[in-house]
Amino acid sequence: MKKILLIILAGLLMLGSLNVFATDAAEYTSELSKYGIIKGDPDGSMRLSDNLTRAEAVTLLTRLYGFNPETSDAAPANKFSDMDGHWACNAAMIAKGLRIVDTVDGEAFNPDENIPAEEFIKMVICLLGYQDVAEQRGGSPHGYLMQASQLGVTKGVSVATGNYITREDAVQMLCNSLDIPVMAMTGFNPKEGNTYTIMDGKNGNEYRSLRTMLEAE
């Protein structure tokens, strides 16, 4: 009898956990949907359990930065060997211009391949402006993972290098990133190096985040 009760209790606890996760996922998708960052399929499905592709990653990130890659004319000419005619060609080139994609000219972008978690995290850190800090901490992947953890990008998300990232985890990371102060280059010195400022609203600095940039449009 005790064993049956324990099984029932364990089942109830699991259902409760699943309900919490479902609620969180709904909140994350709703938060990003209101800014037009995540749109889902024509039938409304977000396919949150699916792996995220590289094409989907750059599309989400360029939208998060305020671009509409579907209509933007800000993208330079395509320099990837496998992106001609691809639906995410504009997004990939905008991402390259923002320095969140480091594929060199003429290389393949492999847009329809699933993206590993550490590669997506690196893109997010670059979008937030902390690339140089992450490089100083050891570079890819661990320097970027450490920086993401410190900033709170990966809060609530289990990250394992080498694993593909799901759409659900990507959505949560992007929500985590909305209110992180961006780091901006505030000075250029070819001899001493560039100077960067965390735009946290302190010491006379402007407060600037991805959310404030989206809402300023």
Protein backbone atom coordinates (compact mmCIF):
# COMPACT_ATOMS: atom_id res chain seq x y z
CA MET A 1 0.00 0.00 0.00
CA LYS A 2 2.82 2.37 0.95
CA LYS A 3 4.55 1.62 -2.35
CA ILE A 4 1.37 2.48 -4.28
CA LEU A 5 0.99 5.75 -2.38
CA LEU A 6 4.60 6.66 -3.08
CA ILE A 7 4.14 5.96 -6.80
CA ILE A 8 0.99 8.11 -6.88
CA LEU A 9 2.75 10.92 -5.00
CA ALA A 10 5.73 10.79 -7.35
CA GLY A 11 3.37 10.96 -10.32
CA LEU A 12 1.59 14.00 -8.88
CA LEU A 13 4.89 15.75 -8.24
CA MET A 14 6.00 15.05 -11.81
CA LEU A 15 2.75 16.42 -13.21
CA GLY A 16 3.17 19.51 -11.07
CA SER A 17 6.68 20.03 -12.41
CA LEU A 18 5.51 19.59 -15.98
CA ASN A 19 2.78 22.19 -15.42
CA VAL A 20 5.36 24.65 -14.08
CA PHE A 21 7.63 24.07 -17.08
CA ALA A 22 4.70 24.47 -19.46
CA THR A 23 3.70 27.74 -17.79
CA ASP A 24 7.26 29.07 -17.97
CA ALA A 25 7.57 28.14 -21.65
CA ALA A 26 4.28 29.90 -22.41
CA GLU A 27 5.48 33.02 -20.61
CA TYR A 28 8.78 33.04 -22.48
CA THR A 29 7.17 32.61 -25.89
CA SER A 30 4.54 35.25 -25.08
CA GLU A 31 7.26 37.70 -24.00
CA LEU A 32 9.20 37.27 -27.23
CA SER A 33 6.09 37.12 -29.42
CA LYS A 34 4.99 40.61 -28.36
CA TYR A 35 8.21 41.98 -29.85
CA GLY A 36 7.88 39.87 -33.00
CA ILE A 37 11.03 37.89 -32.19
CA ILE A 38 9.44 34.45 -32.28
CA LYS A 39 6.54 33.86 -34.65
CA GLY A 40 6.11 30.12 -34.98
CA ASP A 41 4.85 28.15 -37.94
CA PRO A 42 1.86 29.19 -40.07
CA ASP A 43 -0.31 26.90 -37.94
CA GLY A 44 0.83 28.70 -34.77
CA SER A 45 3.07 25.88 -33.54
CA MET A 46 6.28 26.98 -31.79
CA ARG A 47 7.83 23.45 -31.89
CA LEU A 48 9.63 24.18 -28.63
CA SER A 49 10.91 20.63 -28.23
CA ASP A 50 12.63 20.71 -31.65
CA ASN A 51 16.30 21.53 -32.02
CA LEU A 52 17.14 25.03 -33.19
CA THR A 53 18.85 25.37 -36.57
CA ARG A 54 21.58 27.84 -37.41
CA ALA A 55 19.18 29.67 -39.74
CA GLU A 56 16.59 29.99 -36.98
CA ALA A 57 19.27 31.14 -34.53
CA VAL A 58 20.42 34.10 -36.63
CA THR A 59 16.82 35.00 -37.42
CA LEU A 60 15.90 35.16 -33.72
CA LEU A 61 19.01 37.12 -32.81
CA THR A 62 18.74 39.72 -35.57
CA ARG A 63 15.09 40.29 -34.66
CA LEU A 64 16.16 40.65 -31.02
CA TYR A 65 18.54 43.41 -32.07
CA GLY A 66 15.72 45.25 -33.79
CA PHE A 67 16.08 44.11 -37.40
CA ASN A 68 13.36 42.54 -39.50
CA PRO A 69 15.50 40.23 -41.64
CA GLU A 70 12.55 39.25 -43.81
CA THR A 71 12.24 42.80 -45.17
CA SER A 72 15.48 44.54 -44.18
CA ASP A 73 17.73 45.92 -46.87
CA ALA A 74 20.54 46.39 -44.34
CA ALA A 75 22.20 43.09 -45.17
CA PRO A 76 25.32 43.26 -47.36
CA ALA A 77 25.71 41.06 -50.41
CA ASN A 78 25.70 37.35 -49.63
CA LYS A 79 29.20 36.02 -49.06
CA PHE A 80 28.34 32.53 -47.83
CA SER A 81 28.80 29.72 -50.30
CA ASP A 82 25.54 27.96 -49.49
CA MET A 83 23.03 30.77 -48.78
CA ASP A 84 21.91 31.95 -52.22
CA GLY A 85 18.12 31.79 -52.28
CA HIS A 86 17.87 30.55 -48.68
CA TRP A 87 15.05 32.09 -46.60
CA ALA A 88 17.53 33.14 -43.87
CA CYS A 89 20.17 34.64 -46.18
CA ASN A 90 19.44 38.20 -45.02
CA ALA A 91 19.49 37.19 -41.35
CA ALA A 92 22.83 35.43 -41.74
CA MET A 93 24.45 38.42 -43.38
CA ILE A 94 23.03 40.88 -40.82
CA ALA A 95 24.36 38.60 -38.09
CA LYS A 96 27.77 38.65 -39.77
CA GLY A 97 27.64 42.44 -39.86
CA LEU A 98 26.82 42.51 -36.15
CA ARG A 99 29.82 40.23 -35.48
CA ILE A 100 27.72 37.49 -33.98
CA VAL A 101 28.65 35.15 -36.83
CA ASP A 102 32.36 34.70 -37.46
CA THR A 103 32.26 32.53 -40.58
CA VAL A 104 34.71 33.99 -43.10
CA ASP A 105 33.72 35.07 -46.58
CA GLY A 106 33.19 32.18 -48.97
CA GLU A 107 32.71 29.55 -46.26
CA ALA A 108 29.52 27.54 -45.89
CA PHE A 109 27.09 28.70 -43.24
CA ASN A 110 25.24 25.36 -43.04
CA PRO A 111 21.92 27.08 -42.24
CA ASP A 112 19.78 23.97 -41.84
CA GLU A 113 22.09 22.18 -39.41
CA ASN A 114 21.17 22.09 -35.72
CA ILE A 115 23.20 24.52 -33.65
CA PRO A 116 25.18 23.36 -30.59
CA ALA A 117 24.36 25.08 -27.30
CA GLU A 118 27.81 26.64 -26.92
CA GLU A 119 27.67 28.18 -30.40
CA PHE A 120 24.27 29.75 -29.73
CA ILE A 121 25.49 31.07 -26.37
CA LYS A 122 28.52 32.62 -28.06
CA MET A 123 26.19 34.39 -30.50
CA VAL A 124 24.10 35.78 -27.62
CA ILE A 125 27.18 37.04 -25.76
CA CYS A 126 28.42 38.73 -28.92
CA LEU A 127 25.01 40.33 -29.46
CA LEU A 128 25.14 41.73 -25.92
CA GLY A 129 28.58 43.19 -26.64
CA TYR A 130 30.64 41.09 -24.23
CA GLN A 131 32.72 39.27 -26.86
CA ASP A 132 36.06 40.80 -25.82
CA VAL A 133 35.42 40.00 -22.15
CA ALA A 134 34.58 36.39 -23.01
CA GLU A 135 37.73 36.14 -25.11
CA GLN A 136 39.81 37.41 -22.19
CA ARG A 137 38.25 34.69 -20.04
CA GLY A 138 39.48 31.95 -22.34
CA GLY A 139 37.43 32.31 -25.50
CA SER A 140 35.22 29.62 -26.99
CA PRO A 141 33.60 27.70 -25.51
CA HIS A 142 34.39 28.08 -21.80
CA GLY A 143 35.03 31.83 -21.71
CA TYR A 144 31.64 32.43 -23.33
CA LEU A 145 29.90 29.92 -21.06
CA MET A 146 31.40 31.59 -17.98
CA GLN A 147 30.33 35.02 -19.19
CA ALA A 148 26.83 33.78 -19.98
CA SER A 149 26.50 32.29 -16.52
CA GLN A 150 27.73 35.49 -14.84
CA LEU A 151 25.32 37.67 -16.81
CA GLY A 152 22.38 35.32 -16.23
CA VAL A 153 21.89 34.36 -19.88
CA THR A 154 21.77 30.66 -19.02
CA LYS A 155 19.78 31.00 -15.80
CA GLY A 156 17.36 28.06 -15.48
CA VAL A 157 18.81 26.31 -18.53
CA SER A 158 20.93 23.16 -18.38
CA VAL A 159 23.85 23.64 -20.76
CA ALA A 160 26.11 20.83 -21.96
CA THR A 161 28.75 21.51 -24.59
CA GLY A 162 28.32 19.40 -27.69
CA ASN A 163 24.56 19.11 -27.25
CA TYR A 164 22.17 20.79 -29.63
CA ILE A 165 20.01 23.52 -28.17
CA THR A 166 16.24 23.20 -28.26
CA ARG A 167 13.96 26.00 -29.33
CA GLU A 168 12.58 26.10 -25.78
CA ASP A 169 16.00 26.62 -24.20
CA ALA A 170 16.86 29.23 -26.81
CA VAL A 171 13.65 31.13 -26.04
CA GLN A 172 14.42 31.09 -22.32
CA MET A 173 17.97 32.36 -22.90
CA LEU A 174 16.68 35.19 -25.06
CA CYS A 175 14.15 36.17 -22.38
CA ASN A 176 16.94 36.08 -19.80
CA SER A 177 18.94 38.41 -22.03
CA LEU A 178 16.30 41.09 -22.58
CA ASP A 179 17.18 43.17 -19.51
CA ILE A 180 20.93 42.58 -19.29
CA PRO A 181 22.80 45.88 -19.78
CA VAL A 182 24.62 45.77 -23.09
CA MET A 183 28.33 46.55 -23.35
CA ALA A 184 29.06 49.26 -25.90
CA MET A 185 32.29 50.54 -27.41
CA THR A 186 32.68 54.11 -26.15
CA GLY A 187 36.19 54.90 -27.36
CA PHE A 188 38.65 53.95 -30.06
CA ASN A 189 42.41 54.06 -29.66
CA PRO A 190 44.54 52.17 -32.19
CA LYS A 191 47.50 52.09 -29.78
CA GLU A 192 45.87 51.27 -26.43
CA GLY A 193 42.83 49.41 -27.71
CA ASN A 194 39.13 50.14 -27.67
CA THR A 195 37.33 51.13 -24.50
CA TYR A 196 34.00 49.58 -23.56
CA THR A 197 31.30 50.61 -21.12
CA ILE A 198 28.55 48.53 -19.53
CA MET A 199 25.41 50.55 -20.13
CA ASP A 200 23.91 49.89 -16.70
CA GLY A 201 22.65 53.39 -15.90
CA LYS A 202 25.33 53.93 -13.25
CA ASN A 203 28.02 56.62 -12.94
CA GLY A 204 26.30 58.80 -15.49
CA ASN A 205 26.02 56.06 -18.09
CA GLU A 206 22.86 55.51 -20.08
CA TYR A 207 20.89 52.36 -19.28
CA ARG A 208 20.62 50.34 -22.45
CA SER A 209 19.43 46.76 -22.93
CA LEU A 210 17.98 44.72 -25.76
CA ARG A 211 14.53 45.50 -24.38
CA THR A 212 15.08 49.26 -24.35
CA MET A 213 16.42 49.07 -27.90
CA LEU A 214 13.35 47.13 -29.04
CA GLU A 215 10.95 49.50 -27.32
CA ALA A 216 12.70 52.57 -28.72
CA GLU A 217 11.78 51.63 -32.28
